[in-house]
């Protein structure tokens, strides 16, 4: 049996109750003069849910059903990479241009502090060398000629006593480097030379060590 709700949106929605009178002589069992043969539909259907008839009318007219808003897809936001707080990114750029350092010039007497000279050092990738500019002259340390590199963690005995005596603070002592190298890479059986200097910080010392390591592996 079709439900009356199918016609809830029809133009004939308002249906009045119909009464048909039958003579009591037609049937002796009737106790009343009238019989209800049709009742109006109950409460109107929910307007938010179109009935089968309403959907059929829409299809016949070629109309589109109301569009629903597409579900919003959450956007995944990736964290933005930030430069290191220790300034490593700026170190990589400045080492090619030049960074300040203090060179300790060893004397004949290890009991006396070494002479301190303010200088600039840089790494030249084309020449594969660490170059220290003292102003009056330059010291060139070929990366391929490096025999050893010492830092204070290796012990103070690895450094010239005069260089250790010439340091002015614990921070400067921590940033010391002592390079042992062959100045002529074509003759690694010749005399070794040394270079003792301090970077501006222990972090700068570690970054320099890393740069020298990378250059030696290329």
C-alpha atoms as a PDB file:
ATOM      1  CA  UNK A   1       0.000   0.000   0.000  1.00  0.00           C
ATOM      2  CA  UNK A   2       1.439   3.447  -0.920  1.00  0.00           C
ATOM      3  CA  UNK A   3       1.836   5.838   1.965  1.00  0.00           C
ATOM      4  CA  UNK A   4      -0.071   9.094   2.087  1.00  0.00           C
ATOM      5  CA  UNK A   5       3.265  10.872   2.716  1.00  0.00           C
ATOM      6  CA  UNK A   6       4.070  10.507  -1.001  1.00  0.00           C
ATOM      7  CA  UNK A   7       1.545  13.214  -1.738  1.00  0.00           C
ATOM      8  CA  UNK A   8       2.525  15.604   0.989  1.00  0.00           C
ATOM      9  CA  UNK A   9       3.995  18.083  -1.549  1.00  0.00           C
ATOM     10  CA  UNK A  10       1.245  17.636  -4.209  1.00  0.00           C
ATOM     11  CA  UNK A  11      -0.998  20.544  -5.182  1.00  0.00           C
ATOM     12  CA  UNK A  12      -3.883  18.502  -3.824  1.00  0.00           C
ATOM     13  CA  UNK A  13      -2.448  18.274  -0.348  1.00  0.00           C
ATOM     14  CA  UNK A  14      -5.505  19.690   1.343  1.00  0.00           C
ATOM     15  CA  UNK A  15      -7.920  16.813   1.145  1.00  0.00           C
ATOM     16  CA  UNK A  16     -11.185  17.102   2.951  1.00  0.00           C
ATOM     17  CA  UNK A  17     -12.895  14.225   4.544  1.00  0.00           C
ATOM     18  CA  UNK A  18     -15.583  12.809   2.281  1.00  0.00           C
ATOM     19  CA  UNK A  19     -18.779  11.340   3.505  1.00  0.00           C
ATOM     20  CA  UNK A  20     -21.118   9.175   1.540  1.00  0.00           C
ATOM     21  CA  UNK A  21     -24.597   8.528   2.816  1.00  0.00           C
ATOM     22  CA  UNK A  22     -26.015   5.109   2.386  1.00  0.00           C
ATOM     23  CA  UNK A  23     -29.624   4.352   3.002  1.00  0.00           C
ATOM     24  CA  UNK A  24     -29.959   2.075   5.976  1.00  0.00           C
ATOM     25  CA  UNK A  25     -32.206  -0.077   3.878  1.00  0.00           C
ATOM     26  CA  UNK A  26     -29.218  -1.268   1.807  1.00  0.00           C
ATOM     27  CA  UNK A  27     -27.830  -3.209   4.679  1.00  0.00           C
ATOM     28  CA  UNK A  28     -29.465  -3.960   7.952  1.00  0.00           C
ATOM     29  CA  UNK A  29     -26.103  -4.158   9.831  1.00  0.00           C
ATOM     30  CA  UNK A  30     -25.314  -0.399   9.594  1.00  0.00           C
ATOM     31  CA  UNK A  31     -26.050   1.419  12.804  1.00  0.00           C
ATOM     32  CA  UNK A  32     -25.176   4.895  11.485  1.00  0.00           C
ATOM     33  CA  UNK A  33     -26.257   6.949   8.523  1.00  0.00           C
ATOM     34  CA  UNK A  34     -22.753   7.623   7.148  1.00  0.00           C
ATOM     35  CA  UNK A  35     -19.433   5.850   6.684  1.00  0.00           C
ATOM     36  CA  UNK A  36     -15.967   7.491   6.316  1.00  0.00           C
ATOM     37  CA  UNK A  37     -14.209   6.166   3.227  1.00  0.00           C
ATOM     38  CA  UNK A  38     -11.089   8.414   3.165  1.00  0.00           C
ATOM     39  CA  UNK A  39      -9.142  10.422   5.687  1.00  0.00           C
ATOM     40  CA  UNK A  40      -6.844  13.365   5.077  1.00  0.00           C
ATOM     41  CA  UNK A  41      -3.084  12.657   5.500  1.00  0.00           C
ATOM     42  CA  UNK A  42      -1.532  13.047   8.908  1.00  0.00           C
ATOM     43  CA  UNK A  43       1.049  15.721   9.729  1.00  0.00           C
ATOM     44  CA  UNK A  44       3.017  16.985   6.744  1.00  0.00           C
ATOM     45  CA  UNK A  45       6.251  15.199   5.996  1.00  0.00           C
ATOM     46  CA  UNK A  46       9.580  16.681   7.029  1.00  0.00           C
ATOM     47  CA  UNK A  47      10.386  19.415   4.468  1.00  0.00           C
ATOM     48  CA  UNK A  48      14.088  18.724   4.779  1.00  0.00           C
ATOM     49  CA  UNK A  49      13.597  15.206   3.391  1.00  0.00           C
ATOM     50  CA  UNK A  50      12.080  15.344  -0.135  1.00  0.00           C
ATOM     51  CA  UNK A  51       9.527  12.691  -0.836  1.00  0.00           C
ATOM     52  CA  UNK A  52       9.627  10.244  -3.716  1.00  0.00           C
ATOM     53  CA  UNK A  53       7.168  12.423  -5.660  1.00  0.00           C
ATOM     54  CA  UNK A  54       9.281  15.543  -5.138  1.00  0.00           C
ATOM     55  CA  UNK A  55      12.414  13.741  -6.331  1.00  0.00           C
ATOM     56  CA  UNK A  56      10.543  12.443  -9.364  1.00  0.00           C
ATOM     57  CA  UNK A  57       9.372  15.937 -10.326  1.00  0.00           C
ATOM     58  CA  UNK A  58      12.912  17.272 -10.093  1.00  0.00           C
ATOM     59  CA  UNK A  59      14.200  14.492 -12.364  1.00  0.00           C
ATOM     60  CA  UNK A  60      11.436  15.080 -14.898  1.00  0.00           C
ATOM     61  CA  UNK A  61      12.254  18.792 -15.134  1.00  0.00           C
ATOM     62  CA  UNK A  62      15.949  18.145 -15.576  1.00  0.00           C
ATOM     63  CA  UNK A  63      16.791  20.120 -12.448  1.00  0.00           C
ATOM     64  CA  UNK A  64      19.721  19.351 -10.241  1.00  0.00           C
ATOM     65  CA  UNK A  65      19.224  18.487  -6.648  1.00  0.00           C
ATOM     66  CA  UNK A  66      20.596  20.975  -4.142  1.00  0.00           C
ATOM     67  CA  UNK A  67      24.398  20.796  -4.023  1.00  0.00           C
ATOM     68  CA  UNK A  68      26.048  19.912  -0.785  1.00  0.00           C
ATOM     69  CA  UNK A  69      29.163  21.716   0.450  1.00  0.00           C
ATOM     70  CA  UNK A  70      32.235  19.506  -0.036  1.00  0.00           C
ATOM     71  CA  UNK A  71      33.835  18.281   3.119  1.00  0.00           C
ATOM     72  CA  UNK A  72      36.761  20.450   4.194  1.00  0.00           C
ATOM     73  CA  UNK A  73      40.060  18.597   4.084  1.00  0.00           C
ATOM     74  CA  UNK A  74      42.441  19.700   6.843  1.00  0.00           C
ATOM     75  CA  UNK A  75      45.612  21.289   5.512  1.00  0.00           C
ATOM     76  CA  UNK A  76      48.828  19.818   6.841  1.00  0.00           C
ATOM     77  CA  UNK A  77      51.200  22.624   7.742  1.00  0.00           C
ATOM     78  CA  UNK A  78      54.858  21.668   7.772  1.00  0.00           C
ATOM     79  CA  UNK A  79      57.160  23.400  10.173  1.00  0.00           C
ATOM     80  CA  UNK A  80      59.426  25.974   8.602  1.00  0.00           C
ATOM     81  CA  UNK A  81      63.035  25.155   8.913  1.00  0.00           C
ATOM     82  CA  UNK A  82      64.898  27.760  11.001  1.00  0.00           C
ATOM     83  CA  UNK A  83      68.613  28.560  10.857  1.00  0.00           C
ATOM     84  CA  UNK A  84      70.750  27.211  13.652  1.00  0.00           C
ATOM     85  CA  UNK A  85      71.067  29.533  16.615  1.00  0.00           C
ATOM     86  CA  UNK A  86      74.857  29.058  16.697  1.00  0.00           C
ATOM     87  CA  UNK A  87      75.237  30.826  13.337  1.00  0.00           C
ATOM     88  CA  UNK A  88      76.546  27.821  11.379  1.00  0.00           C
ATOM     89  CA  UNK A  89      74.934  29.034   8.137  1.00  0.00           C
ATOM     90  CA  UNK A  90      76.775  32.379   8.402  1.00  0.00           C
ATOM     91  CA  UNK A  91      80.039  30.559   9.167  1.00  0.00           C
ATOM     92  CA  UNK A  92      79.948  28.672   5.866  1.00  0.00           C
ATOM     93  CA  UNK A  93      79.694  31.940   3.961  1.00  0.00           C
ATOM     94  CA  UNK A  94      82.243  33.876   5.999  1.00  0.00           C
ATOM     95  CA  UNK A  95      84.943  31.207   5.905  1.00  0.00           C
ATOM     96  CA  UNK A  96      85.314  31.745   2.165  1.00  0.00           C
ATOM     97  CA  UNK A  97      85.688  35.517   2.685  1.00  0.00           C
ATOM     98  CA  UNK A  98      87.784  35.421   5.826  1.00  0.00           C
ATOM     99  CA  UNK A  99      87.370  35.047   9.578  1.00  0.00           C
ATOM    100  CA  UNK A 100      89.396  36.633  12.385  1.00  0.00           C
ATOM    101  CA  UNK A 101      91.801  34.546  14.414  1.00  0.00           C
ATOM    102  CA  UNK A 102      94.858  34.921  16.638  1.00  0.00           C
ATOM    103  CA  UNK A 103      98.102  33.264  15.554  1.00  0.00           C
ATOM    104  CA  UNK A 104     100.641  32.262  18.191  1.00  0.00           C
ATOM    105  CA  UNK A 105     104.189  32.667  16.854  1.00  0.00           C
ATOM    106  CA  UNK A 106     106.498  30.247  18.603  1.00  0.00           C
ATOM    107  CA  UNK A 107     109.783  31.586  19.858  1.00  0.00           C
ATOM    108  CA  UNK A 108     113.053  29.917  20.709  1.00  0.00           C
ATOM    109  CA  UNK A 109     112.214  29.955  24.406  1.00  0.00           C
ATOM    110  CA  UNK A 110     109.207  27.804  25.280  1.00  0.00           C
ATOM    111  CA  UNK A 111     109.243  29.255  28.785  1.00  0.00           C
ATOM    112  CA  UNK A 112     108.147  32.620  27.432  1.00  0.00           C
ATOM    113  CA  UNK A 113     104.661  33.282  26.014  1.00  0.00           C
ATOM    114  CA  UNK A 114     104.392  33.150  22.242  1.00  0.00           C
ATOM    115  CA  UNK A 115     103.879  36.354  20.290  1.00  0.00           C
ATOM    116  CA  UNK A 116     100.228  36.993  19.497  1.00  0.00           C
ATOM    117  CA  UNK A 117      99.353  38.199  15.993  1.00  0.00           C
ATOM    118  CA  UNK A 118      95.861  39.189  14.868  1.00  0.00           C
ATOM    119  CA  UNK A 119      95.121  37.662  11.481  1.00  0.00           C
ATOM    120  CA  UNK A 120      92.419  36.549   9.063  1.00  0.00           C
ATOM    121  CA  UNK A 121      92.034  33.013   7.783  1.00  0.00           C
ATOM    122  CA  UNK A 122      89.957  31.531   4.985  1.00  0.00           C
ATOM    123  CA  UNK A 123      89.525  28.266   3.111  1.00  0.00           C
ATOM    124  CA  UNK A 124      90.209  28.347  -0.621  1.00  0.00           C
ATOM    125  CA  UNK A 125      88.437  25.400  -2.255  1.00  0.00           C
ATOM    126  CA  UNK A 126      90.195  25.955  -5.603  1.00  0.00           C
ATOM    127  CA  UNK A 127      93.640  25.761  -4.017  1.00  0.00           C
ATOM    128  CA  UNK A 128      92.457  23.180  -1.473  1.00  0.00           C
ATOM    129  CA  UNK A 129      94.192  25.139   1.256  1.00  0.00           C
ATOM    130  CA  UNK A 130      93.739  26.966   4.524  1.00  0.00           C
ATOM    131  CA  UNK A 131      95.271  30.417   4.053  1.00  0.00           C
ATOM    132  CA  UNK A 132      96.178  32.659   7.002  1.00  0.00           C
ATOM    133  CA  UNK A 133      96.792  36.335   6.204  1.00  0.00           C
ATOM    134  CA  UNK A 134      99.169  37.942   8.698  1.00  0.00           C
ATOM    135  CA  UNK A 135      99.299  41.209   6.793  1.00  0.00           C
ATOM    136  CA  UNK A 136     103.019  41.190   6.054  1.00  0.00           C
ATOM    137  CA  UNK A 137     102.883  37.625   4.780  1.00  0.00           C
ATOM    138  CA  UNK A 138     100.565  34.686   4.248  1.00  0.00           C
ATOM    139  CA  UNK A 139     100.736  31.123   5.513  1.00  0.00           C
ATOM    140  CA  UNK A 140      99.370  28.472   3.195  1.00  0.00           C
ATOM    141  CA  UNK A 141      98.426  25.115   4.666  1.00  0.00           C
ATOM    142  CA  UNK A 142      97.427  22.564   1.963  1.00  0.00           C
ATOM    143  CA  UNK A 143      94.573  20.338   3.096  1.00  0.00           C
ATOM    144  CA  UNK A 144      96.139  17.374   1.284  1.00  0.00           C
ATOM    145  CA  UNK A 145      99.359  17.974   3.231  1.00  0.00           C
ATOM    146  CA  UNK A 146      97.742  17.855   6.690  1.00  0.00           C
ATOM    147  CA  UNK A 147      99.437  15.313   8.896  1.00  0.00           C
ATOM    148  CA  UNK A 148      97.525  16.004  12.086  1.00  0.00           C
ATOM    149  CA  UNK A 149      95.243  18.528  13.813  1.00  0.00           C
ATOM    150  CA  UNK A 150      95.193  18.915  17.584  1.00  0.00           C
ATOM    151  CA  UNK A 151      92.699  20.614  19.848  1.00  0.00           C
ATOM    152  CA  UNK A 152      92.844  21.194  23.580  1.00  0.00           C
ATOM    153  CA  UNK A 153      90.782  18.042  24.227  1.00  0.00           C
ATOM    154  CA  UNK A 154      93.853  16.076  23.077  1.00  0.00           C
ATOM    155  CA  UNK A 155      95.779  17.525  26.027  1.00  0.00           C
ATOM    156  CA  UNK A 156      97.855  20.649  26.557  1.00  0.00           C
ATOM    157  CA  UNK A 157     101.049  18.633  26.031  1.00  0.00           C
ATOM    158  CA  UNK A 158     100.123  18.407  22.303  1.00  0.00           C
ATOM    159  CA  UNK A 159     100.616  22.195  22.029  1.00  0.00           C
ATOM    160  CA  UNK A 160     103.722  24.318  22.227  1.00  0.00           C
ATOM    161  CA  UNK A 161     104.086  25.479  25.865  1.00  0.00           C
ATOM    162  CA  UNK A 162     104.616  29.054  24.713  1.00  0.00           C
ATOM    163  CA  UNK A 163     101.235  29.053  22.885  1.00  0.00           C
ATOM    164  CA  UNK A 164      99.407  27.780  25.955  1.00  0.00           C
ATOM    165  CA  UNK A 165     101.088  30.456  28.073  1.00  0.00           C
ATOM    166  CA  UNK A 166     100.034  33.165  25.626  1.00  0.00           C
ATOM    167  CA  UNK A 167      96.300  32.422  25.851  1.00  0.00           C
ATOM    168  CA  UNK A 168      94.350  35.020  27.817  1.00  0.00           C
ATOM    169  CA  UNK A 169      91.268  33.044  28.852  1.00  0.00           C
ATOM    170  CA  UNK A 170      89.816  29.588  29.201  1.00  0.00           C
ATOM    171  CA  UNK A 171      87.569  30.335  26.210  1.00  0.00           C
ATOM    172  CA  UNK A 172      90.571  31.116  24.027  1.00  0.00           C
ATOM    173  CA  UNK A 173      92.333  27.991  25.223  1.00  0.00           C
ATOM    174  CA  UNK A 174      89.295  25.908  24.258  1.00  0.00           C
ATOM    175  CA  UNK A 175      89.317  27.324  20.715  1.00  0.00           C
ATOM    176  CA  UNK A 176      92.997  26.543  20.033  1.00  0.00           C
ATOM    177  CA  UNK A 177      94.040  24.489  17.003  1.00  0.00           C
ATOM    178  CA  UNK A 178      97.497  23.148  16.219  1.00  0.00           C
ATOM    179  CA  UNK A 179      98.071  22.057  12.614  1.00  0.00           C
ATOM    180  CA  UNK A 180     100.970  19.867  11.520  1.00  0.00           C
ATOM    181  CA  UNK A 181     101.378  19.749   7.746  1.00  0.00           C
ATOM    182  CA  UNK A 182     103.610  19.398   4.714  1.00  0.00           C
ATOM    183  CA  UNK A 183     103.815  22.737   2.868  1.00  0.00           C
ATOM    184  CA  UNK A 184     104.663  20.947  -0.371  1.00  0.00           C
ATOM    185  CA  UNK A 185     102.202  18.152  -1.171  1.00  0.00           C
ATOM    186  CA  UNK A 186     104.430  16.910  -4.007  1.00  0.00           C
ATOM    187  CA  UNK A 187     107.115  16.058  -1.464  1.00  0.00           C
ATOM    188  CA  UNK A 188     105.519  14.655   1.668  1.00  0.00           C
ATOM    189  CA  UNK A 189     108.867  13.273   2.776  1.00  0.00           C
ATOM    190  CA  UNK A 190     110.184  16.802   3.401  1.00  0.00           C
ATOM    191  CA  UNK A 191     110.080  18.905   6.553  1.00  0.00           C
ATOM    192  CA  UNK A 192     106.867  19.360   8.470  1.00  0.00           C
ATOM    193  CA  UNK A 193     105.616  22.788   9.490  1.00  0.00           C
ATOM    194  CA  UNK A 194     103.225  23.809  12.247  1.00  0.00           C
ATOM    195  CA  UNK A 195     100.564  26.458  12.735  1.00  0.00           C
ATOM    196  CA  UNK A 196      98.958  27.325  16.052  1.00  0.00           C
ATOM    197  CA  UNK A 197      95.997  29.693  16.181  1.00  0.00           C
ATOM    198  CA  UNK A 198      92.710  30.212  17.963  1.00  0.00           C
ATOM    199  CA  UNK A 199      89.280  30.669  16.430  1.00  0.00           C
ATOM    200  CA  UNK A 200      86.850  33.203  17.896  1.00  0.00           C
ATOM    201  CA  UNK A 201      84.862  30.426  19.630  1.00  0.00           C
ATOM    202  CA  UNK A 202      84.887  26.697  20.278  1.00  0.00           C
ATOM    203  CA  UNK A 203      81.900  26.366  17.937  1.00  0.00           C
ATOM    204  CA  UNK A 204      83.878  28.128  15.208  1.00  0.00           C
ATOM    205  CA  UNK A 205      86.751  25.720  15.870  1.00  0.00           C
ATOM    206  CA  UNK A 206      84.438  22.721  15.401  1.00  0.00           C
ATOM    207  CA  UNK A 207      82.933  24.215  12.225  1.00  0.00           C
ATOM    208  CA  UNK A 208      86.417  24.797  10.801  1.00  0.00           C
ATOM    209  CA  UNK A 209      87.391  21.201  11.575  1.00  0.00           C
ATOM    210  CA  UNK A 210      84.263  20.025   9.758  1.00  0.00           C
ATOM    211  CA  UNK A 211      85.029  22.167   6.704  1.00  0.00           C
ATOM    212  CA  UNK A 212      88.595  20.848   6.519  1.00  0.00           C
ATOM    213  CA  UNK A 213      87.325  17.287   6.803  1.00  0.00           C
ATOM    214  CA  UNK A 214      84.815  17.763   3.981  1.00  0.00           C
ATOM    215  CA  UNK A 215      87.417  19.371   1.717  1.00  0.00           C
ATOM    216  CA  UNK A 216      89.888  16.547   2.342  1.00  0.00           C
ATOM    217  CA  UNK A 217      87.269  13.960   1.283  1.00  0.00           C
ATOM    218  CA  UNK A 218      86.448  15.611  -2.056  1.00  0.00           C
END
